[in-house]
PDB file of N, CA and C in Angstrom:
ATOM      1  N   UNK A   1     -10.117  -2.730 -23.161  1.00  0.00           N
ATOM      2  CA  UNK A   1      -9.407  -3.951 -23.332  1.00  0.00           C
ATOM      3  C   UNK A   1      -9.201  -5.348 -22.181  1.00  0.00           C
ATOM      4  N   UNK A   2      -9.946  -5.949 -22.130  1.00  0.00           N
ATOM      5  CA  UNK A   2     -10.071  -7.123 -21.374  1.00  0.00           C
ATOM      6  C   UNK A   2      -8.480  -7.778 -21.595  1.00  0.00           C
ATOM      7  N   UNK A   3      -7.739  -8.116 -20.480  1.00  0.00           N
ATOM      8  CA  UNK A   3      -6.650  -8.387 -20.122  1.00  0.00           C
ATOM      9  C   UNK A   3      -7.188  -9.578 -19.217  1.00  0.00           C
ATOM     10  N   UNK A   4      -6.997 -10.888 -20.090  1.00  0.00           N
ATOM     11  CA  UNK A   4      -6.906 -12.559 -19.731  1.00  0.00           C
ATOM     12  C   UNK A   4      -6.035 -12.614 -18.326  1.00  0.00           C
ATOM     13  N   UNK A   5      -4.857 -11.919 -18.476  1.00  0.00           N
ATOM     14  CA  UNK A   5      -3.612 -12.280 -17.453  1.00  0.00           C
ATOM     15  C   UNK A   5      -4.464 -11.937 -16.008  1.00  0.00           C
ATOM     16  N   UNK A   6      -5.333 -10.502 -15.918  1.00  0.00           N
ATOM     17  CA  UNK A   6      -5.966  -9.837 -14.860  1.00  0.00           C
ATOM     18  C   UNK A   6      -6.966 -10.726 -14.453  1.00  0.00           C
ATOM     19  N   UNK A   7      -7.833 -11.398 -15.221  1.00  0.00           N
ATOM     20  CA  UNK A   7      -9.018 -12.057 -15.273  1.00  0.00           C
ATOM     21  C   UNK A   7      -8.105 -13.450 -14.192  1.00  0.00           C
ATOM     22  N   UNK A   8      -7.489 -14.085 -14.750  1.00  0.00           N
ATOM     23  CA  UNK A   8      -7.037 -15.594 -14.570  1.00  0.00           C
ATOM     24  C   UNK A   8      -6.456 -14.990 -13.081  1.00  0.00           C
ATOM     25  N   UNK A   9      -5.531 -13.936 -12.513  1.00  0.00           N
ATOM     26  CA  UNK A   9      -4.687 -14.051 -11.417  1.00  0.00           C
ATOM     27  C   UNK A   9      -6.085 -13.581 -10.418  1.00  0.00           C
ATOM     28  N   UNK A  10      -7.305 -12.979 -10.665  1.00  0.00           N
ATOM     29  CA  UNK A  10      -7.667 -12.495  -9.583  1.00  0.00           C
ATOM     30  C   UNK A  10      -9.013 -13.366  -9.347  1.00  0.00           C
ATOM     31  N   UNK A  11      -9.037 -14.339 -10.540  1.00  0.00           N
ATOM     32  CA  UNK A  11      -9.815 -15.726 -10.148  1.00  0.00           C
ATOM     33  C   UNK A  11      -8.924 -16.749  -8.885  1.00  0.00           C
ATOM     34  N   UNK A  12      -7.536 -16.736  -9.617  1.00  0.00           N
ATOM     35  CA  UNK A  12      -7.016 -17.330  -8.506  1.00  0.00           C
ATOM     36  C   UNK A  12      -6.659 -16.746  -7.237  1.00  0.00           C
ATOM     37  N   UNK A  13      -6.448 -15.851  -7.261  1.00  0.00           N
ATOM     38  CA  UNK A  13      -5.864 -14.823  -6.239  1.00  0.00           C
ATOM     39  C   UNK A  13      -6.602 -14.097  -6.007  1.00  0.00           C
ATOM     40  N   UNK A  14      -7.979 -14.398  -5.248  1.00  0.00           N
ATOM     41  CA  UNK A  14      -8.958 -12.707  -4.848  1.00  0.00           C
ATOM     42  C   UNK A  14      -8.352 -12.261  -3.937  1.00  0.00           C
ATOM     43  N   UNK A  15      -8.832 -10.573  -3.567  1.00  0.00           N
ATOM     44  CA  UNK A  15      -8.189  -9.948  -2.566  1.00  0.00           C
ATOM     45  C   UNK A  15      -6.904  -9.702  -2.857  1.00  0.00           C
ATOM     46  N   UNK A  16      -6.368  -9.448  -3.435  1.00  0.00           N
ATOM     47  CA  UNK A  16      -4.872  -9.459  -4.078  1.00  0.00           C
ATOM     48  C   UNK A  16      -4.951  -7.844  -4.287  1.00  0.00           C
ATOM     49  N   UNK A  17      -3.669  -6.919  -3.597  1.00  0.00           N
ATOM     50  CA  UNK A  17      -3.854  -5.575  -4.175  1.00  0.00           C
ATOM     51  C   UNK A  17      -2.831  -5.110  -5.795  1.00  0.00           C
ATOM     52  N   UNK A  18      -2.863  -4.391  -5.872  1.00  0.00           N
ATOM     53  CA  UNK A  18      -2.502  -3.726  -7.206  1.00  0.00           C
ATOM     54  C   UNK A  18      -1.190  -4.194  -7.291  1.00  0.00           C
ATOM     55  N   UNK A  19      -0.330  -3.535  -6.335  1.00  0.00           N
ATOM     56  CA  UNK A  19       1.180  -3.941  -6.459  1.00  0.00           C
ATOM     57  C   UNK A  19       1.239  -5.599  -6.636  1.00  0.00           C
ATOM     58  N   UNK A  20       0.653  -6.211  -5.751  1.00  0.00           N
ATOM     59  CA  UNK A  20       1.368  -7.782  -6.023  1.00  0.00           C
ATOM     60  C   UNK A  20       0.275  -8.275  -7.267  1.00  0.00           C
ATOM     61  N   UNK A  21      -0.519  -7.979  -7.750  1.00  0.00           N
ATOM     62  CA  UNK A  21      -1.039  -7.919  -8.815  1.00  0.00           C
ATOM     63  C   UNK A  21      -0.106  -7.813 -10.086  1.00  0.00           C
ATOM     64  N   UNK A  22       0.302  -6.411 -10.236  1.00  0.00           N
ATOM     65  CA  UNK A  22       1.374  -5.852 -11.027  1.00  0.00           C
ATOM     66  C   UNK A  22       2.718  -7.169 -11.479  1.00  0.00           C
ATOM     67  N   UNK A  23       3.137  -7.517 -10.390  1.00  0.00           N
ATOM     68  CA  UNK A  23       4.135  -8.437 -10.353  1.00  0.00           C
ATOM     69  C   UNK A  23       3.669  -9.691 -10.681  1.00  0.00           C
ATOM     70  N   UNK A  24       2.587 -10.284 -10.235  1.00  0.00           N
ATOM     71  CA  UNK A  24       2.344 -11.446 -10.622  1.00  0.00           C
ATOM     72  C   UNK A  24       2.074 -11.630 -12.169  1.00  0.00           C
ATOM     73  N   UNK A  25       1.229 -10.704 -12.749  1.00  0.00           N
ATOM     74  CA  UNK A  25       1.014 -10.482 -14.370  1.00  0.00           C
ATOM     75  C   UNK A  25       2.677 -10.158 -15.069  1.00  0.00           C
ATOM     76  N   UNK A  26       3.556  -9.335 -14.504  1.00  0.00           N
ATOM     77  CA  UNK A  26       4.764  -9.284 -15.007  1.00  0.00           C
ATOM     78  C   UNK A  26       4.482  -7.740 -15.827  1.00  0.00           C
ATOM     79  N   UNK A  27       3.423  -6.825 -15.622  1.00  0.00           N
ATOM     80  CA  UNK A  27       3.674  -5.261 -15.837  1.00  0.00           C
ATOM     81  C   UNK A  27       3.450  -4.258 -14.820  1.00  0.00           C
ATOM     82  N   UNK A  28       4.297  -3.581 -15.363  1.00  0.00           N
ATOM     83  CA  UNK A  28       4.642  -2.206 -14.450  1.00  0.00           C
ATOM     84  C   UNK A  28       3.231  -1.711 -13.731  1.00  0.00           C
ATOM     85  N   UNK A  29       3.366  -1.124 -12.281  1.00  0.00           N
ATOM     86  CA  UNK A  29       1.861  -0.944 -11.489  1.00  0.00           C
ATOM     87  C   UNK A  29       1.206   0.164 -12.385  1.00  0.00           C
ATOM     88  N   UNK A  30       1.623   1.089 -12.999  1.00  0.00           N
ATOM     89  CA  UNK A  30       0.779   2.440 -13.576  1.00  0.00           C
ATOM     90  C   UNK A  30      -0.233   1.021 -14.653  1.00  0.00           C
ATOM     91  N   UNK A  31       0.371   0.546 -15.369  1.00  0.00           N
ATOM     92  CA  UNK A  31      -0.458  -0.334 -16.553  1.00  0.00           C
ATOM     93  C   UNK A  31      -1.670  -1.189 -15.919  1.00  0.00           C
ATOM     94  N   UNK A  32      -0.893  -1.801 -14.632  1.00  0.00           N
ATOM     95  CA  UNK A  32      -1.757  -2.743 -13.937  1.00  0.00           C
ATOM     96  C   UNK A  32      -2.813  -1.502 -13.475  1.00  0.00           C
ATOM     97  N   UNK A  33      -2.509  -0.633 -12.488  1.00  0.00           N
ATOM     98  CA  UNK A  33      -3.743   0.293 -12.210  1.00  0.00           C
ATOM     99  C   UNK A  33      -4.805   0.403 -13.337  1.00  0.00           C
ATOM    100  N   UNK A  34      -4.077   1.014 -14.509  1.00  0.00           N
ATOM    101  CA  UNK A  34      -5.178   1.574 -15.620  1.00  0.00           C
ATOM    102  C   UNK A  34      -5.987   0.069 -15.897  1.00  0.00           C
ATOM    103  N   UNK A  35      -5.595  -0.749 -16.260  1.00  0.00           N
ATOM    104  CA  UNK A  35      -6.289  -2.015 -16.530  1.00  0.00           C
ATOM    105  C   UNK A  35      -7.426  -2.546 -15.512  1.00  0.00           C
ATOM    106  N   UNK A  36      -7.045  -2.302 -14.180  1.00  0.00           N
ATOM    107  CA  UNK A  36      -8.026  -2.510 -13.248  1.00  0.00           C
ATOM    108  C   UNK A  36      -9.289  -1.462 -13.205  1.00  0.00           C
ATOM    109  N   UNK A  37      -8.696   0.088 -13.196  1.00  0.00           N
ATOM    110  CA  UNK A  37      -9.479   1.154 -13.350  1.00  0.00           C
ATOM    111  C   UNK A  37     -10.516   0.823 -14.892  1.00  0.00           C
ATOM    112  N   UNK A  38     -10.082   0.565 -15.585  1.00  0.00           N
ATOM    113  CA  UNK A  38     -10.809  -0.013 -16.852  1.00  0.00           C
ATOM    114  C   UNK A  38     -11.782  -0.892 -16.825  1.00  0.00           C
ATOM    115  N   UNK A  39     -11.348  -2.197 -15.927  1.00  0.00           N
ATOM    116  CA  UNK A  39     -12.225  -3.331 -15.400  1.00  0.00           C
ATOM    117  C   UNK A  39     -13.323  -2.707 -14.488  1.00  0.00           C
ATOM    118  N   UNK A  40     -12.646  -2.057 -13.539  1.00  0.00           N
ATOM    119  CA  UNK A  40     -13.626  -1.758 -12.603  1.00  0.00           C
ATOM    120  C   UNK A  40     -14.841  -0.696 -13.085  1.00  0.00           C
ATOM    121  N   UNK A  41     -14.563   0.087 -13.997  1.00  0.00           N
ATOM    122  CA  UNK A  41     -15.515   0.905 -14.796  1.00  0.00           C
ATOM    123  C   UNK A  41     -16.658   0.262 -15.528  1.00  0.00           C
ATOM    124  N   UNK A  42     -16.323  -1.144 -16.060  1.00  0.00           N
ATOM    125  CA  UNK A  42     -16.852  -2.023 -16.859  1.00  0.00           C
ATOM    126  C   UNK A  42     -17.735  -2.935 -15.696  1.00  0.00           C
ATOM    127  N   UNK A  43     -17.827  -2.617 -14.519  1.00  0.00           N
ATOM    128  CA  UNK A  43     -18.185  -3.863 -13.520  1.00  0.00           C
ATOM    129  C   UNK A  43     -17.756  -5.255 -13.578  1.00  0.00           C
ATOM    130  N   UNK A  44     -16.353  -5.298 -13.929  1.00  0.00           N
ATOM    131  CA  UNK A  44     -15.638  -6.965 -13.895  1.00  0.00           C
ATOM    132  C   UNK A  44     -14.963  -6.966 -12.170  1.00  0.00           C
ATOM    133  N   UNK A  45     -14.491  -6.114 -12.104  1.00  0.00           N
ATOM    134  CA  UNK A  45     -13.528  -5.928 -10.955  1.00  0.00           C
ATOM    135  C   UNK A  45     -13.980  -5.031  -9.722  1.00  0.00           C
ATOM    136  N   UNK A  46     -13.714  -5.367  -8.495  1.00  0.00           N
ATOM    137  CA  UNK A  46     -14.232  -4.497  -7.543  1.00  0.00           C
ATOM    138  C   UNK A  46     -13.133  -4.435  -6.560  1.00  0.00           C
ATOM    139  N   UNK A  47     -13.078  -3.456  -6.035  1.00  0.00           N
ATOM    140  CA  UNK A  47     -11.772  -2.644  -5.437  1.00  0.00           C
ATOM    141  C   UNK A  47     -12.280  -2.204  -3.823  1.00  0.00           C
ATOM    142  N   UNK A  48     -11.685  -2.952  -2.580  1.00  0.00           N
ATOM    143  CA  UNK A  48     -12.145  -2.405  -1.505  1.00  0.00           C
ATOM    144  C   UNK A  48     -10.856  -2.272  -0.745  1.00  0.00           C
ATOM    145  N   UNK A  49     -11.039  -1.365   0.582  1.00  0.00           N
ATOM    146  CA  UNK A  49     -10.198  -1.079   1.118  1.00  0.00           C
ATOM    147  C   UNK A  49      -9.401  -2.415   2.069  1.00  0.00           C
ATOM    148  N   UNK A  50      -8.357  -2.248   2.414  1.00  0.00           N
ATOM    149  CA  UNK A  50      -7.640  -3.027   3.076  1.00  0.00           C
ATOM    150  C   UNK A  50      -7.730  -3.096   4.910  1.00  0.00           C
ATOM    151  N   UNK A  51      -7.098  -3.498   5.416  1.00  0.00           N
ATOM    152  CA  UNK A  51      -7.645  -2.991   6.628  1.00  0.00           C
ATOM    153  C   UNK A  51      -7.555  -1.584   6.983  1.00  0.00           C
ATOM    154  N   UNK A  52      -8.224  -1.499   8.032  1.00  0.00           N
ATOM    155  CA  UNK A  52      -8.804  -0.087   8.497  1.00  0.00           C
ATOM    156  C   UNK A  52      -7.685   1.174   8.422  1.00  0.00           C
ATOM    157  N   UNK A  53      -7.946   1.833   8.221  1.00  0.00           N
ATOM    158  CA  UNK A  53      -6.683   3.023   7.593  1.00  0.00           C
ATOM    159  C   UNK A  53      -6.060   2.865   6.370  1.00  0.00           C
ATOM    160  N   UNK A  54      -6.137   1.785   5.875  1.00  0.00           N
ATOM    161  CA  UNK A  54      -4.987   1.457   4.955  1.00  0.00           C
ATOM    162  C   UNK A  54      -5.184   2.153   3.892  1.00  0.00           C
ATOM    163  N   UNK A  55      -4.232   2.387   3.156  1.00  0.00           N
ATOM    164  CA  UNK A  55      -5.078   2.877   1.635  1.00  0.00           C
ATOM    165  C   UNK A  55      -4.654   1.733   0.571  1.00  0.00           C
ATOM    166  N   UNK A  56      -4.249   0.690   1.095  1.00  0.00           N
ATOM    167  CA  UNK A  56      -3.981  -0.583  -0.286  1.00  0.00           C
ATOM    168  C   UNK A  56      -5.616  -1.019  -0.128  1.00  0.00           C
ATOM    169  N   UNK A  57      -6.210  -0.697  -1.692  1.00  0.00           N
ATOM    170  CA  UNK A  57      -7.027  -1.898  -2.069  1.00  0.00           C
ATOM    171  C   UNK A  57      -6.849  -3.152  -2.754  1.00  0.00           C
ATOM    172  N   UNK A  58      -8.267  -4.065  -2.289  1.00  0.00           N
ATOM    173  CA  UNK A  58      -8.079  -5.284  -2.610  1.00  0.00           C
ATOM    174  C   UNK A  58      -8.709  -5.425  -3.782  1.00  0.00           C
ATOM    175  N   UNK A  59      -8.198  -6.118  -4.729  1.00  0.00           N
ATOM    176  CA  UNK A  59      -9.129  -6.409  -6.150  1.00  0.00           C
ATOM    177  C   UNK A  59     -10.003  -7.747  -6.050  1.00  0.00           C
ATOM    178  N   UNK A  60     -10.797  -8.085  -6.163  1.00  0.00           N
ATOM    179  CA  UNK A  60     -11.600  -9.115  -6.508  1.00  0.00           C
ATOM    180  C   UNK A  60     -12.409  -8.871  -7.816  1.00  0.00           C
ATOM    181  N   UNK A  61     -12.698 -10.276  -8.526  1.00  0.00           N
ATOM    182  CA  UNK A  61     -13.853 -10.377  -9.617  1.00  0.00           C
ATOM    183  C   UNK A  61     -15.155  -9.831  -9.228  1.00  0.00           C
ATOM    184  N   UNK A  62     -15.977  -9.332  -9.647  1.00  0.00           N
ATOM    185  CA  UNK A  62     -17.504  -9.148  -9.396  1.00  0.00           C
ATOM    186  C   UNK A  62     -18.080 -10.629  -9.926  1.00  0.00           C
ATOM    187  N   UNK A  63     -19.211 -10.497  -9.615  1.00  0.00           N
ATOM    188  CA  UNK A  63     -20.135 -11.835 -10.406  1.00  0.00           C
ATOM    189  C   UNK A  63     -19.790 -11.672 -11.989  1.00  0.00           C
ATOM    190  N   UNK A  64     -20.300 -10.156 -12.267  1.00  0.00           N
ATOM    191  CA  UNK A  64     -20.053 -10.323 -13.798  1.00  0.00           C
ATOM    192  C   UNK A  64     -18.448 -10.442 -14.461  1.00  0.00           C
ATOM    193  N   UNK A  65     -17.577 -10.001 -13.439  1.00  0.00           N
ATOM    194  CA  UNK A  65     -16.188 -10.828 -13.791  1.00  0.00           C
ATOM    195  C   UNK A  65     -16.479 -12.409 -14.005  1.00  0.00           C
ATOM    196  N   UNK A  66     -16.357 -12.735 -12.871  1.00  0.00           N
ATOM    197  CA  UNK A  66     -16.205 -14.085 -12.516  1.00  0.00           C
ATOM    198  C   UNK A  66     -17.272 -14.740 -13.792  1.00  0.00           C
ATOM    199  N   UNK A  67     -18.433 -14.432 -14.224  1.00  0.00           N
ATOM    200  CA  UNK A  67     -19.230 -14.982 -15.229  1.00  0.00           C
ATOM    201  C   UNK A  67     -18.259 -14.899 -16.810  1.00  0.00           C
ATOM    202  N   UNK A  68     -17.602 -13.228 -16.800  1.00  0.00           N
ATOM    203  CA  UNK A  68     -17.021 -13.486 -18.311  1.00  0.00           C
ATOM    204  C   UNK A  68     -15.512 -14.020 -18.275  1.00  0.00           C
ATOM    205  N   UNK A  69     -15.027 -14.494 -17.094  1.00  0.00           N
ATOM    206  CA  UNK A  69     -13.749 -15.394 -16.986  1.00  0.00           C
ATOM    207  C   UNK A  69     -14.400 -16.667 -17.497  1.00  0.00           C
ATOM    208  N   UNK A  70     -15.443 -17.165 -16.765  1.00  0.00           N
ATOM    209  CA  UNK A  70     -15.817 -18.781 -16.877  1.00  0.00           C
ATOM    210  C   UNK A  70     -16.007 -18.818 -18.290  1.00  0.00           C
ATOM    211  N   UNK A  71     -16.993 -17.977 -19.441  1.00  0.00           N
ATOM    212  CA  UNK A  71     -17.130 -17.999 -20.627  1.00  0.00           C
ATOM    213  C   UNK A  71     -15.740 -17.726 -21.384  1.00  0.00           C
ATOM    214  N   UNK A  72     -14.788 -16.813 -21.217  1.00  0.00           N
ATOM    215  CA  UNK A  72     -13.791 -16.642 -21.843  1.00  0.00           C
ATOM    216  C   UNK A  72     -12.626 -17.778 -21.751  1.00  0.00           C
ATOM    217  N   UNK A  73     -12.250 -18.513 -20.542  1.00  0.00           N
ATOM    218  CA  UNK A  73     -11.495 -19.468 -20.191  1.00  0.00           C
ATOM    219  C   UNK A  73     -11.087 -20.065 -21.198  1.00  0.00           C
ATOM    220  N   UNK A  74     -12.400 -21.195 -21.646  1.00  0.00           N
ATOM    221  CA  UNK A  74     -12.376 -22.207 -22.701  1.00  0.00           C
ATOM    222  C   UNK A  74     -11.536 -21.852 -23.535  1.00  0.00           C
ATOM    223  N   UNK A  75     -11.846 -20.678 -24.250  1.00  0.00           N
ATOM    224  CA  UNK A  75     -11.653 -20.137 -25.351  1.00  0.00           C
ATOM    225  C   UNK A  75     -10.078 -19.987 -25.371  1.00  0.00           C
ATOM    226  N   UNK A  76      -9.655 -19.451 -24.288  1.00  0.00           N
ATOM    227  CA  UNK A  76      -8.140 -18.812 -24.126  1.00  0.00           C
ATOM    228  C   UNK A  76      -7.534 -20.397 -24.248  1.00  0.00           C
ATOM    229  N   UNK A  77      -8.181 -21.278 -23.719  1.00  0.00           N
ATOM    230  CA  UNK A  77      -7.166 -22.696 -23.397  1.00  0.00           C
ATOM    231  C   UNK A  77      -6.894 -23.091 -25.009  1.00  0.00           C
ATOM    232  N   UNK A  78      -8.155 -23.425 -25.655  1.00  0.00           N
ATOM    233  CA  UNK A  78      -7.909 -23.376 -26.726  1.00  0.00           C
ATOM    234  C   UNK A  78      -7.199 -22.492 -27.983  1.00  0.00           C
ATOM    235  N   UNK A  79      -6.904 -21.808 -27.712  1.00  0.00           N
ATOM    236  CA  UNK A  79      -5.894 -21.085 -28.616  1.00  0.00           C
ATOM    237  C   UNK A  79      -4.426 -21.146 -28.049  1.00  0.00           C
ATOM    238  N   UNK A  80      -4.606 -21.284 -26.665  1.00  0.00           N
ATOM    239  CA  UNK A  80      -2.924 -21.882 -26.163  1.00  0.00           C
ATOM    240  C   UNK A  80      -2.594 -23.125 -26.772  1.00  0.00           C
ATOM    241  N   UNK A  81      -3.763 -24.177 -26.311  1.00  0.00           N
ATOM    242  CA  UNK A  81      -3.575 -25.589 -26.804  1.00  0.00           C
ATOM    243  C   UNK A  81      -3.001 -25.400 -28.657  1.00  0.00           C
ATOM    244  N   UNK A  82      -3.994 -24.601 -29.343  1.00  0.00           N
ATOM    245  CA  UNK A  82      -3.654 -24.664 -30.961  1.00  0.00           C
ATOM    246  C   UNK A  82      -2.281 -23.907 -31.169  1.00  0.00           C
ATOM    247  N   UNK A  83      -1.764 -23.132 -30.653  1.00  0.00           N
ATOM    248  CA  UNK A  83      -0.161 -22.587 -30.350  1.00  0.00           C
ATOM    249  C   UNK A  83       0.689 -23.630 -30.375  1.00  0.00           C
ATOM    250  N   UNK A  84       0.361 -24.357 -29.358  1.00  0.00           N
ATOM    251  CA  UNK A  84       1.738 -25.037 -28.934  1.00  0.00           C
ATOM    252  C   UNK A  84       1.743 -26.312 -29.617  1.00  0.00           C
ATOM    253  N   UNK A  85       0.347 -26.782 -30.381  1.00  0.00           N
ATOM    254  CA  UNK A  85       0.330 -27.431 -31.137  1.00  0.00           C
ATOM    255  C   UNK A  85       1.639 -27.537 -32.555  1.00  0.00           C
ATOM    256  N   UNK A  86       1.440 -26.649 -32.439  1.00  0.00           N
ATOM    257  CA  UNK A  86       1.901 -26.111 -34.472  1.00  0.00           C
ATOM    258  C   UNK A  86       3.463 -26.366 -33.651  1.00  0.00           C
ATOM    259  N   UNK A  87       3.996 -26.129 -32.574  1.00  0.00           N
ATOM    260  CA  UNK A  87       5.377 -26.299 -32.095  1.00  0.00           C
ATOM    261  C   UNK A  87       5.647 -27.446 -31.871  1.00  0.00           C
ATOM    262  N   UNK A  88       7.292 -27.962 -32.517  1.00  0.00           N
ATOM    263  CA  UNK A  88       7.598 -29.488 -32.264  1.00  0.00           C
ATOM    264  C   UNK A  88       7.981 -29.406 -30.546  1.00  0.00           C
ATOM    265  N   UNK A  89       8.417 -30.726 -30.389  1.00  0.00           N
ATOM    266  CA  UNK A  89       8.269 -30.995 -28.746  1.00  0.00           C
ATOM    267  C   UNK A  89       9.491 -29.898 -28.100  1.00  0.00           C
ATOM    268  N   UNK A  90      10.476 -29.719 -28.639  1.00  0.00           N
ATOM    269  CA  UNK A  90      11.733 -28.968 -28.308  1.00  0.00           C
ATOM    270  C   UNK A  90      11.219 -27.824 -28.101  1.00  0.00           C
ATOM    271  N   UNK A  91      10.617 -27.038 -28.909  1.00  0.00           N
ATOM    272  CA  UNK A  91       9.916 -25.957 -28.979  1.00  0.00           C
ATOM    273  C   UNK A  91       9.067 -25.581 -27.915  1.00  0.00           C
ATOM    274  N   UNK A  92       8.239 -26.609 -27.660  1.00  0.00           N
ATOM    275  CA  UNK A  92       7.388 -26.759 -26.592  1.00  0.00           C
ATOM    276  C   UNK A  92       8.020 -26.615 -25.398  1.00  0.00           C
ATOM    277  N   UNK A  93       8.850 -27.186 -25.080  1.00  0.00           N
ATOM    278  CA  UNK A  93       9.772 -27.374 -24.185  1.00  0.00           C
ATOM    279  C   UNK A  93      10.564 -25.878 -23.842  1.00  0.00           C
ATOM    280  N   UNK A  94      11.022 -25.151 -24.922  1.00  0.00           N
ATOM    281  CA  UNK A  94      11.660 -24.278 -24.628  1.00  0.00           C
ATOM    282  C   UNK A  94      10.961 -23.043 -24.516  1.00  0.00           C
ATOM    283  N   UNK A  95       9.532 -22.978 -24.894  1.00  0.00           N
ATOM    284  CA  UNK A  95       8.703 -21.876 -24.696  1.00  0.00           C
ATOM    285  C   UNK A  95       8.064 -21.961 -23.295  1.00  0.00           C
ATOM    286  N   UNK A  96       8.177 -23.237 -22.570  1.00  0.00           N
ATOM    287  CA  UNK A  96       7.613 -23.119 -21.423  1.00  0.00           C
ATOM    288  C   UNK A  96       8.948 -22.663 -20.345  1.00  0.00           C
ATOM    289  N   UNK A  97      10.301 -23.283 -20.433  1.00  0.00           N
ATOM    290  CA  UNK A  97      11.185 -22.865 -19.887  1.00  0.00           C
ATOM    291  C   UNK A  97      11.489 -21.308 -19.717  1.00  0.00           C
ATOM    292  N   UNK A  98      11.106 -20.771 -21.163  1.00  0.00           N
ATOM    293  CA  UNK A  98      11.370 -19.737 -21.019  1.00  0.00           C
ATOM    294  C   UNK A  98      10.429 -18.687 -19.978  1.00  0.00           C
ATOM    295  N   UNK A  99       9.078 -19.294 -20.415  1.00  0.00           N
ATOM    296  CA  UNK A  99       7.954 -18.889 -19.258  1.00  0.00           C
ATOM    297  C   UNK A  99       8.184 -19.172 -17.756  1.00  0.00           C
ATOM    298  N   UNK A 100       8.809 -20.115 -17.727  1.00  0.00           N
ATOM    299  CA  UNK A 100       8.751 -20.431 -16.068  1.00  0.00           C
ATOM    300  C   UNK A 100      10.015 -19.486 -16.038  1.00  0.00           C
ATOM    301  N   UNK A 101      10.705 -19.026 -16.254  1.00  0.00           N
ATOM    302  CA  UNK A 101      11.970 -18.051 -16.134  1.00  0.00           C
ATOM    303  C   UNK A 101      11.969 -17.009 -15.902  1.00  0.00           C
ATOM    304  N   UNK A 102      10.860 -16.449 -16.776  1.00  0.00           N
ATOM    305  CA  UNK A 102      10.103 -14.935 -16.479  1.00  0.00           C
ATOM    306  C   UNK A 102       9.072 -15.090 -15.260  1.00  0.00           C
ATOM    307  N   UNK A 103       8.725 -15.963 -14.788  1.00  0.00           N
ATOM    308  CA  UNK A 103       7.878 -16.391 -13.724  1.00  0.00           C
ATOM    309  C   UNK A 103       8.659 -16.261 -12.564  1.00  0.00           C
ATOM    310  N   UNK A 104       9.610 -17.065 -12.508  1.00  0.00           N
ATOM    311  CA  UNK A 104      10.740 -16.900 -11.454  1.00  0.00           C
ATOM    312  C   UNK A 104      11.146 -15.603 -11.587  1.00  0.00           C
ATOM    313  N   UNK A 105      11.720 -15.070 -11.789  1.00  0.00           N
ATOM    314  CA  UNK A 105      12.126 -13.456 -12.377  1.00  0.00           C
ATOM    315  C   UNK A 105      11.318 -12.779 -11.526  1.00  0.00           C
ATOM    316  N   UNK A 106      10.491 -12.666 -12.005  1.00  0.00           N
ATOM    317  CA  UNK A 106       9.355 -11.664 -11.367  1.00  0.00           C
ATOM    318  C   UNK A 106       9.106 -11.979 -10.151  1.00  0.00           C
ATOM    319  N   UNK A 107       9.075 -13.297  -9.535  1.00  0.00           N
ATOM    320  CA  UNK A 107       8.814 -13.475  -8.062  1.00  0.00           C
ATOM    321  C   UNK A 107      10.111 -13.268  -7.241  1.00  0.00           C
ATOM    322  N   UNK A 108      11.109 -13.577  -7.535  1.00  0.00           N
ATOM    323  CA  UNK A 108      12.434 -13.030  -7.191  1.00  0.00           C
ATOM    324  C   UNK A 108      12.532 -11.878  -7.109  1.00  0.00           C
ATOM    325  N   UNK A 109      12.492 -10.865  -8.098  1.00  0.00           N
ATOM    326  CA  UNK A 109      12.187  -9.294  -7.932  1.00  0.00           C
ATOM    327  C   UNK A 109      11.673  -8.760  -7.081  1.00  0.00           C
ATOM    328  N   UNK A 110       9.836  -8.800  -6.968  1.00  0.00           N
ATOM    329  CA  UNK A 110       9.321  -9.135  -5.951  1.00  0.00           C
ATOM    330  C   UNK A 110       9.578  -9.031  -4.698  1.00  0.00           C
ATOM    331  N   UNK A 111      10.382 -10.379  -4.419  1.00  0.00           N
ATOM    332  CA  UNK A 111      10.698 -11.055  -3.229  1.00  0.00           C
ATOM    333  C   UNK A 111      12.005  -9.650  -2.461  1.00  0.00           C
ATOM    334  N   UNK A 112      12.590  -9.560  -3.550  1.00  0.00           N
ATOM    335  CA  UNK A 112      13.716  -8.362  -3.109  1.00  0.00           C
ATOM    336  C   UNK A 112      12.883  -7.162  -2.794  1.00  0.00           C
ATOM    337  N   UNK A 113      12.275  -6.645  -3.275  1.00  0.00           N
ATOM    338  CA  UNK A 113      11.670  -5.194  -2.775  1.00  0.00           C
ATOM    339  C   UNK A 113      11.039  -5.658  -1.523  1.00  0.00           C
ATOM    340  N   UNK A 114      10.314  -6.217  -1.236  1.00  0.00           N
ATOM    341  CA  UNK A 114       9.849  -6.999   0.125  1.00  0.00           C
ATOM    342  C   UNK A 114      10.848  -7.203   0.965  1.00  0.00           C
ATOM    343  N   UNK A 115      11.991  -7.827   0.969  1.00  0.00           N
ATOM    344  CA  UNK A 115      13.223  -8.051   2.151  1.00  0.00           C
ATOM    345  C   UNK A 115      13.579  -6.625   2.993  1.00  0.00           C
TER     346      UNK A 115
END
């Protein structure tokens, strides 16, 4: 399975660790790790060790991953635009508000965990 949110997050924030990635995309850590392993196995994601002695693995898209992201991104945007076009202005605003609330809740949850 190719997860567009993982590709988009790694494109926007290269060298992010798995925990931050899971918070960013709103998926539990175990599922994120499974997606990353799958994408690394396929050659789309690279995992490198963080600071000396650290167990943290930093994630980035490989050249093949960047190429795939750049090829898929226009299609993803087109689908999003088609879905949004079928909604009324009020429905679009409601959906955008809901998505913003989910993102804010994930960020708040993450900030509490690291405080």
